[in-house]
């Protein structure tokens, strides 16, 4: 198996199926001793990371009621 010029490799289908690595599955890479390990990110970790990245990013100072009123009138 070769790494492409973009750093991509194809994970064999039987391994993807065995470990539930479907399209859009989030993975992380780690180094253990001299091995590279692919870790499937759980949905909980993914949503927690997203919330942490988004916290404090809002620029509109509106109450929840004001935002709900805007969405209802659209």
PDB file of N, CA and C in Angstrom:
ATOM      1  N   UNK A   1       0.852  -1.160   0.000  1.00  0.00           N
ATOM      2  CA  UNK A   1       0.000   0.000   0.000  1.00  0.00           C
ATOM      3  C   UNK A   1       0.908   1.237   0.000  1.00  0.00           C
ATOM      4  N   UNK A   2       0.524   2.227  -0.789  1.00  0.00           N
ATOM      5  CA  UNK A   2       1.316   3.451  -0.896  1.00  0.00           C
ATOM      6  C   UNK A   2       0.533   4.642  -0.393  1.00  0.00           C
ATOM      7  N   UNK A   3       1.260   5.609   0.117  1.00  0.00           N
ATOM      8  CA  UNK A   3       0.680   6.895   0.504  1.00  0.00           C
ATOM      9  C   UNK A   3       0.719   7.796  -0.716  1.00  0.00           C
ATOM     10  N   UNK A   4      -0.409   8.483  -1.021  1.00  0.00           N
ATOM     11  CA  UNK A   4      -0.447   9.386  -2.172  1.00  0.00           C
ATOM     12  C   UNK A   4       0.334  10.657  -1.867  1.00  0.00           C
ATOM     13  N   UNK A   5       0.507  11.490  -2.886  1.00  0.00           N
ATOM     14  CA  UNK A   5       1.216  12.762  -2.698  1.00  0.00           C
ATOM     15  C   UNK A   5       0.471  13.686  -1.743  1.00  0.00           C
ATOM     16  N   UNK A   6      -0.817  13.424  -1.540  1.00  0.00           N
ATOM     17  CA  UNK A   6      -1.615  14.219  -0.601  1.00  0.00           C
ATOM     18  C   UNK A   6      -1.662  13.591   0.794  1.00  0.00           C
ATOM     19  N   UNK A   7      -0.890  12.523   1.009  1.00  0.00           N
ATOM     20  CA  UNK A   7      -0.843  11.872   2.310  1.00  0.00           C
ATOM     21  C   UNK A   7      -2.001  10.928   2.568  1.00  0.00           C
ATOM     22  N   UNK A   8      -2.668  10.478   1.525  1.00  0.00           N
ATOM     23  CA  UNK A   8      -3.832   9.619   1.673  1.00  0.00           C
ATOM     24  C   UNK A   8      -3.479   8.149   1.471  1.00  0.00           C
ATOM     25  N   UNK A   9      -4.198   7.294   2.203  1.00  0.00           N
ATOM     26  CA  UNK A   9      -4.113   5.849   2.005  1.00  0.00           C
ATOM     27  C   UNK A   9      -5.536   5.304   1.975  1.00  0.00           C
ATOM     28  N   UNK A  10      -5.711   4.149   1.377  1.00  0.00           N
ATOM     29  CA  UNK A  10      -7.011   3.493   1.364  1.00  0.00           C
ATOM     30  C   UNK A  10      -7.008   2.409   2.426  1.00  0.00           C
ATOM     31  N   UNK A  11      -7.964   2.500   3.352  1.00  0.00           N
ATOM     32  CA  UNK A  11      -8.114   1.467   4.370  1.00  0.00           C
ATOM     33  C   UNK A  11      -8.905   0.332   3.724  1.00  0.00           C
ATOM     34  N   UNK A  12      -8.387  -0.878   3.751  1.00  0.00           N
ATOM     35  CA  UNK A  12      -9.092  -1.993   3.109  1.00  0.00           C
ATOM     36  C   UNK A  12     -10.526  -2.130   3.608  1.00  0.00           C
ATOM     37  N   UNK A  13     -11.410  -2.519   2.694  1.00  0.00           N
ATOM     38  CA  UNK A  13     -12.840  -2.586   2.990  1.00  0.00           C
ATOM     39  C   UNK A  13     -13.154  -3.493   4.174  1.00  0.00           C
ATOM     40  N   UNK A  14     -12.500  -4.639   4.266  1.00  0.00           N
ATOM     41  CA  UNK A  14     -12.812  -5.555   5.366  1.00  0.00           C
ATOM     42  C   UNK A  14     -12.478  -4.939   6.721  1.00  0.00           C
ATOM     43  N   UNK A  15     -11.418  -4.144   6.781  1.00  0.00           N
ATOM     44  CA  UNK A  15     -11.057  -3.470   8.036  1.00  0.00           C
ATOM     45  C   UNK A  15     -12.048  -2.348   8.329  1.00  0.00           C
ATOM     46  N   UNK A  16     -12.426  -1.577   7.292  1.00  0.00           N
ATOM     47  CA  UNK A  16     -13.422  -0.510   7.488  1.00  0.00           C
ATOM     48  C   UNK A  16     -14.731  -1.087   8.011  1.00  0.00           C
ATOM     49  N   UNK A  17     -15.185  -2.197   7.422  1.00  0.00           N
ATOM     50  CA  UNK A  17     -16.442  -2.820   7.850  1.00  0.00           C
ATOM     51  C   UNK A  17     -16.330  -3.362   9.278  1.00  0.00           C
ATOM     52  N   UNK A  18     -15.233  -3.999   9.565  1.00  0.00           N
ATOM     53  CA  UNK A  18     -15.043  -4.607  10.890  1.00  0.00           C
ATOM     54  C   UNK A  18     -15.080  -3.576  12.012  1.00  0.00           C
ATOM     55  N   UNK A  19     -14.544  -2.381  11.738  1.00  0.00           N
ATOM     56  CA  UNK A  19     -14.457  -1.361  12.780  1.00  0.00           C
ATOM     57  C   UNK A  19     -15.448  -0.212  12.603  1.00  0.00           C
ATOM     58  N   UNK A  20     -16.377  -0.353  11.664  1.00  0.00           N
ATOM     59  CA  UNK A  20     -17.413   0.662  11.491  1.00  0.00           C
ATOM     60  C   UNK A  20     -16.885   1.987  10.988  1.00  0.00           C
ATOM     61  N   UNK A  21     -15.897   1.948  10.106  1.00  0.00           N
ATOM     62  CA  UNK A  21     -15.315   3.165   9.552  1.00  0.00           C
ATOM     63  C   UNK A  21     -16.015   3.503   8.234  1.00  0.00           C
ATOM     64  N   UNK A  22     -17.171   4.128   8.355  1.00  0.00           N
ATOM     65  CA  UNK A  22     -17.987   4.470   7.200  1.00  0.00           C
ATOM     66  C   UNK A  22     -17.638   5.880   6.720  1.00  0.00           C
ATOM     67  N   UNK A  23     -18.085   6.274   5.530  1.00  0.00           N
ATOM     68  CA  UNK A  23     -17.826   7.644   5.061  1.00  0.00           C
ATOM     69  C   UNK A  23     -18.279   8.665   6.113  1.00  0.00           C
ATOM     70  N   UNK A  24     -17.500   9.697   6.268  1.00  0.00           N
ATOM     71  CA  UNK A  24     -17.732  10.790   7.225  1.00  0.00           C
ATOM     72  C   UNK A  24     -17.419  10.412   8.666  1.00  0.00           C
ATOM     73  N   UNK A  25     -16.892   9.200   8.917  1.00  0.00           N
ATOM     74  CA  UNK A  25     -16.484   8.828  10.266  1.00  0.00           C
ATOM     75  C   UNK A  25     -15.265   9.652  10.648  1.00  0.00           C
ATOM     76  N   UNK A  26     -15.296  10.226  11.846  1.00  0.00           N
ATOM     77  CA  UNK A  26     -14.156  10.996  12.340  1.00  0.00           C
ATOM     78  C   UNK A  26     -13.144  10.046  12.973  1.00  0.00           C
ATOM     79  N   UNK A  27     -11.873  10.259  12.660  1.00  0.00           N
ATOM     80  CA  UNK A  27     -10.802   9.469  13.252  1.00  0.00           C
ATOM     81  C   UNK A  27      -9.698  10.403  13.740  1.00  0.00           C
ATOM     82  N   UNK A  28      -8.911   9.902  14.664  1.00  0.00           N
ATOM     83  CA  UNK A  28      -7.727  10.607  15.147  1.00  0.00           C
ATOM     84  C   UNK A  28      -6.528   9.682  14.948  1.00  0.00           C
ATOM     85  N   UNK A  29      -5.362  10.263  14.913  1.00  0.00           N
ATOM     86  CA  UNK A  29      -4.135   9.493  14.800  1.00  0.00           C
ATOM     87  C   UNK A  29      -3.325   9.674  16.065  1.00  0.00           C
ATOM     88  N   UNK A  30      -2.674   8.602  16.502  1.00  0.00           N
ATOM     89  CA  UNK A  30      -1.818   8.655  17.678  1.00  0.00           C
ATOM     90  C   UNK A  30      -0.574   7.818  17.384  1.00  0.00           C
ATOM     91  N   UNK A  31       0.480   8.094  18.095  1.00  0.00           N
ATOM     92  CA  UNK A  31       1.714   7.316  17.969  1.00  0.00           C
ATOM     93  C   UNK A  31       1.885   6.522  19.254  1.00  0.00           C
ATOM     94  N   UNK A  32       1.978   5.201  19.110  1.00  0.00           N
ATOM     95  CA  UNK A  32       2.188   4.301  20.240  1.00  0.00           C
ATOM     96  C   UNK A  32       3.475   3.547  19.954  1.00  0.00           C
ATOM     97  N   UNK A  33       4.487   3.806  20.790  1.00  0.00           N
ATOM     98  CA  UNK A  33       5.831   3.278  20.545  1.00  0.00           C
ATOM     99  C   UNK A  33       6.259   3.723  19.146  1.00  0.00           C
ATOM    100  N   UNK A  34       6.451   2.819  18.231  1.00  0.00           N
ATOM    101  CA  UNK A  34       6.848   3.215  16.872  1.00  0.00           C
ATOM    102  C   UNK A  34       5.732   2.963  15.865  1.00  0.00           C
ATOM    103  N   UNK A  35       4.477   2.834  16.372  1.00  0.00           N
ATOM    104  CA  UNK A  35       3.346   2.550  15.488  1.00  0.00           C
ATOM    105  C   UNK A  35       2.409   3.751  15.410  1.00  0.00           C
ATOM    106  N   UNK A  36       1.790   3.918  14.236  1.00  0.00           N
ATOM    107  CA  UNK A  36       0.746   4.913  14.064  1.00  0.00           C
ATOM    108  C   UNK A  36      -0.584   4.195  14.262  1.00  0.00           C
ATOM    109  N   UNK A  37      -1.434   4.731  15.137  1.00  0.00           N
ATOM    110  CA  UNK A  37      -2.705   4.107  15.466  1.00  0.00           C
ATOM    111  C   UNK A  37      -3.838   5.034  15.027  1.00  0.00           C
ATOM    112  N   UNK A  38      -4.833   4.473  14.343  1.00  0.00           N
ATOM    113  CA  UNK A  38      -6.027   5.223  13.952  1.00  0.00           C
ATOM    114  C   UNK A  38      -7.095   4.930  14.998  1.00  0.00           C
ATOM    115  N   UNK A  39      -7.689   5.995  15.558  1.00  0.00           N
ATOM    116  CA  UNK A  39      -8.700   5.848  16.598  1.00  0.00           C
ATOM    117  C   UNK A  39     -10.013   6.434  16.097  1.00  0.00           C
ATOM    118  N   UNK A  40     -11.071   5.634  16.133  1.00  0.00           N
ATOM    119  CA  UNK A  40     -12.399   6.104  15.744  1.00  0.00           C
ATOM    120  C   UNK A  40     -12.922   7.015  16.847  1.00  0.00           C
ATOM    121  N   UNK A  41     -13.328   8.222  16.471  1.00  0.00           N
ATOM    122  CA  UNK A  41     -13.829   9.190  17.436  1.00  0.00           C
ATOM    123  C   UNK A  41     -15.308   8.902  17.678  1.00  0.00           C
ATOM    124  N   UNK A  42     -15.683   8.785  18.946  1.00  0.00           N
ATOM    125  CA  UNK A  42     -17.087   8.534  19.259  1.00  0.00           C
ATOM    126  C   UNK A  42     -17.914   9.785  18.987  1.00  0.00           C
ATOM    127  N   UNK A  43     -19.200   9.605  18.756  1.00  0.00           N
ATOM    128  CA  UNK A  43     -20.094  10.730  18.515  1.00  0.00           C
ATOM    129  C   UNK A  43     -20.081  11.720  19.659  1.00  0.00           C
ATOM    130  N   UNK A  44     -19.954  11.216  20.897  1.00  0.00           N
ATOM    131  CA  UNK A  44     -19.940  12.092  22.068  1.00  0.00           C
ATOM    132  C   UNK A  44     -18.732  13.012  22.041  1.00  0.00           C
ATOM    133  N   UNK A  45     -17.567  12.467  21.737  1.00  0.00           N
ATOM    134  CA  UNK A  45     -16.351  13.275  21.697  1.00  0.00           C
ATOM    135  C   UNK A  45     -16.434  14.306  20.582  1.00  0.00           C
ATOM    136  N   UNK A  46     -16.968  13.900  19.451  1.00  0.00           N
ATOM    137  CA  UNK A  46     -17.086  14.810  18.312  1.00  0.00           C
ATOM    138  C   UNK A  46     -17.986  15.991  18.655  1.00  0.00           C
ATOM    139  N   UNK A  47     -19.141  15.713  19.278  1.00  0.00           N
ATOM    140  CA  UNK A  47     -20.046  16.804  19.622  1.00  0.00           C
ATOM    141  C   UNK A  47     -19.455  17.683  20.716  1.00  0.00           C
ATOM    142  N   UNK A  48     -18.757  17.087  21.672  1.00  0.00           N
ATOM    143  CA  UNK A  48     -18.106  17.875  22.729  1.00  0.00           C
ATOM    144  C   UNK A  48     -17.048  18.793  22.134  1.00  0.00           C
ATOM    145  N   UNK A  49     -16.244  18.274  21.205  1.00  0.00           N
ATOM    146  CA  UNK A  49     -15.221  19.096  20.557  1.00  0.00           C
ATOM    147  C   UNK A  49     -15.854  20.240  19.778  1.00  0.00           C
ATOM    148  N   UNK A  50     -16.956  19.965  19.084  1.00  0.00           N
ATOM    149  CA  UNK A  50     -17.641  20.995  18.321  1.00  0.00           C
ATOM    150  C   UNK A  50     -18.169  22.090  19.246  1.00  0.00           C
ATOM    151  N   UNK A  51     -18.768  21.708  20.346  1.00  0.00           N
ATOM    152  CA  UNK A  51     -19.285  22.693  21.301  1.00  0.00           C
ATOM    153  C   UNK A  51     -18.146  23.549  21.850  1.00  0.00           C
ATOM    154  N   UNK A  52     -17.022  22.932  22.178  1.00  0.00           N
ATOM    155  CA  UNK A  52     -15.876  23.687  22.691  1.00  0.00           C
ATOM    156  C   UNK A  52     -15.357  24.678  21.654  1.00  0.00           C
ATOM    157  N   UNK A  53     -15.318  24.265  20.382  1.00  0.00           N
ATOM    158  CA  UNK A  53     -14.838  25.165  19.330  1.00  0.00           C
ATOM    159  C   UNK A  53     -15.792  26.330  19.098  1.00  0.00           C
ATOM    160  N   UNK A  54     -17.098  26.091  19.267  1.00  0.00           N
ATOM    161  CA  UNK A  54     -18.100  27.115  18.997  1.00  0.00           C
ATOM    162  C   UNK A  54     -18.354  28.048  20.179  1.00  0.00           C
ATOM    163  N   UNK A  55     -17.993  27.615  21.378  1.00  0.00           N
ATOM    164  CA  UNK A  55     -18.255  28.431  22.562  1.00  0.00           C
ATOM    165  C   UNK A  55     -17.573  29.788  22.435  1.00  0.00           C
ATOM    166  N   UNK A  56     -18.379  30.839  22.643  1.00  0.00           N
ATOM    167  CA  UNK A  56     -17.854  32.207  22.596  1.00  0.00           C
ATOM    168  C   UNK A  56     -17.748  32.792  21.205  1.00  0.00           C
ATOM    169  N   UNK A  57     -18.225  32.090  20.175  1.00  0.00           N
ATOM    170  CA  UNK A  57     -18.091  32.571  18.797  1.00  0.00           C
ATOM    171  C   UNK A  57     -19.260  33.452  18.357  1.00  0.00           C
ATOM    172  N   UNK A  58     -20.383  33.405  19.070  1.00  0.00           N
ATOM    173  CA  UNK A  58     -21.551  34.181  18.661  1.00  0.00           C
ATOM    174  C   UNK A  58     -21.247  35.679  18.752  1.00  0.00           C
ATOM    175  N   UNK A  59     -21.763  36.434  17.795  1.00  0.00           N
ATOM    176  CA  UNK A  59     -21.513  37.880  17.783  1.00  0.00           C
ATOM    177  C   UNK A  59     -22.788  38.683  17.989  1.00  0.00           C
ATOM    178  N   UNK A  60     -23.924  38.014  18.071  1.00  0.00           N
ATOM    179  CA  UNK A  60     -25.202  38.703  18.236  1.00  0.00           C
ATOM    180  C   UNK A  60     -25.627  38.584  19.693  1.00  0.00           C
ATOM    181  N   UNK A  61     -25.965  39.709  20.291  1.00  0.00           N
ATOM    182  CA  UNK A  61     -26.407  39.701  21.688  1.00  0.00           C
ATOM    183  C   UNK A  61     -27.927  39.711  21.734  1.00  0.00           C
ATOM    184  N   UNK A  62     -28.507  38.540  21.499  1.00  0.00           N
ATOM    185  CA  UNK A  62     -29.956  38.399  21.514  1.00  0.00           C
ATOM    186  C   UNK A  62     -30.330  37.319  22.514  1.00  0.00           C
ATOM    187  N   UNK A  63     -31.511  37.476  23.082  1.00  0.00           N
ATOM    188  CA  UNK A  63     -32.004  36.440  23.988  1.00  0.00           C
ATOM    189  C   UNK A  63     -32.526  35.267  23.167  1.00  0.00           C
ATOM    190  N   UNK A  64     -32.698  34.148  23.821  1.00  0.00           N
ATOM    191  CA  UNK A  64     -33.253  32.978  23.147  1.00  0.00           C
ATOM    192  C   UNK A  64     -34.640  33.289  22.597  1.00  0.00           C
ATOM    193  N   UNK A  65     -35.444  34.011  23.376  1.00  0.00           N
ATOM    194  CA  UNK A  65     -36.794  34.383  22.920  1.00  0.00           C
ATOM    195  C   UNK A  65     -36.736  35.237  21.654  1.00  0.00           C
ATOM    196  N   UNK A  66     -35.787  36.169  21.584  1.00  0.00           N
ATOM    197  CA  UNK A  66     -35.649  37.017  20.392  1.00  0.00           C
ATOM    198  C   UNK A  66     -35.235  36.188  19.171  1.00  0.00           C
ATOM    199  N   UNK A  67     -34.345  35.260  19.374  1.00  0.00           N
ATOM    200  CA  UNK A  67     -33.897  34.398  18.267  1.00  0.00           C
ATOM    201  C   UNK A  67     -35.055  33.523  17.810  1.00  0.00           C
ATOM    202  N   UNK A  68     -35.804  32.940  18.736  1.00  0.00           N
ATOM    203  CA  UNK A  68     -36.950  32.094  18.377  1.00  0.00           C
ATOM    204  C   UNK A  68     -37.994  32.903  17.618  1.00  0.00           C
ATOM    205  N   UNK A  69     -38.208  34.156  18.006  1.00  0.00           N
ATOM    206  CA  UNK A  69     -39.166  35.016  17.321  1.00  0.00           C
ATOM    207  C   UNK A  69     -38.726  35.248  15.878  1.00  0.00           C
ATOM    208  N   UNK A  70     -37.434  35.448  15.657  1.00  0.00           N
ATOM    209  CA  UNK A  70     -36.916  35.623  14.291  1.00  0.00           C
ATOM    210  C   UNK A  70     -37.151  34.371  13.445  1.00  0.00           C
ATOM    211  N   UNK A  71     -36.916  33.198  14.017  1.00  0.00           N
ATOM    212  CA  UNK A  71     -37.083  31.971  13.242  1.00  0.00           C
ATOM    213  C   UNK A  71     -38.541  31.685  12.943  1.00  0.00           C
ATOM    214  N   UNK A  72     -39.421  32.078  13.825  1.00  0.00           N
ATOM    215  CA  UNK A  72     -40.860  31.846  13.607  1.00  0.00           C
ATOM    216  C   UNK A  72     -41.433  32.766  12.546  1.00  0.00           C
ATOM    217  N   UNK A  73     -40.858  33.948  12.397  1.00  0.00           N
ATOM    218  CA  UNK A  73     -41.369  34.922  11.444  1.00  0.00           C
ATOM    219  C   UNK A  73     -40.732  34.808  10.073  1.00  0.00           C
ATOM    220  N   UNK A  74     -39.886  33.813   9.881  1.00  0.00           N
ATOM    221  CA  UNK A  74     -39.203  33.664   8.577  1.00  0.00           C
ATOM    222  C   UNK A  74     -40.060  32.960   7.579  1.00  0.00           C
TER     223      UNK A  74
END
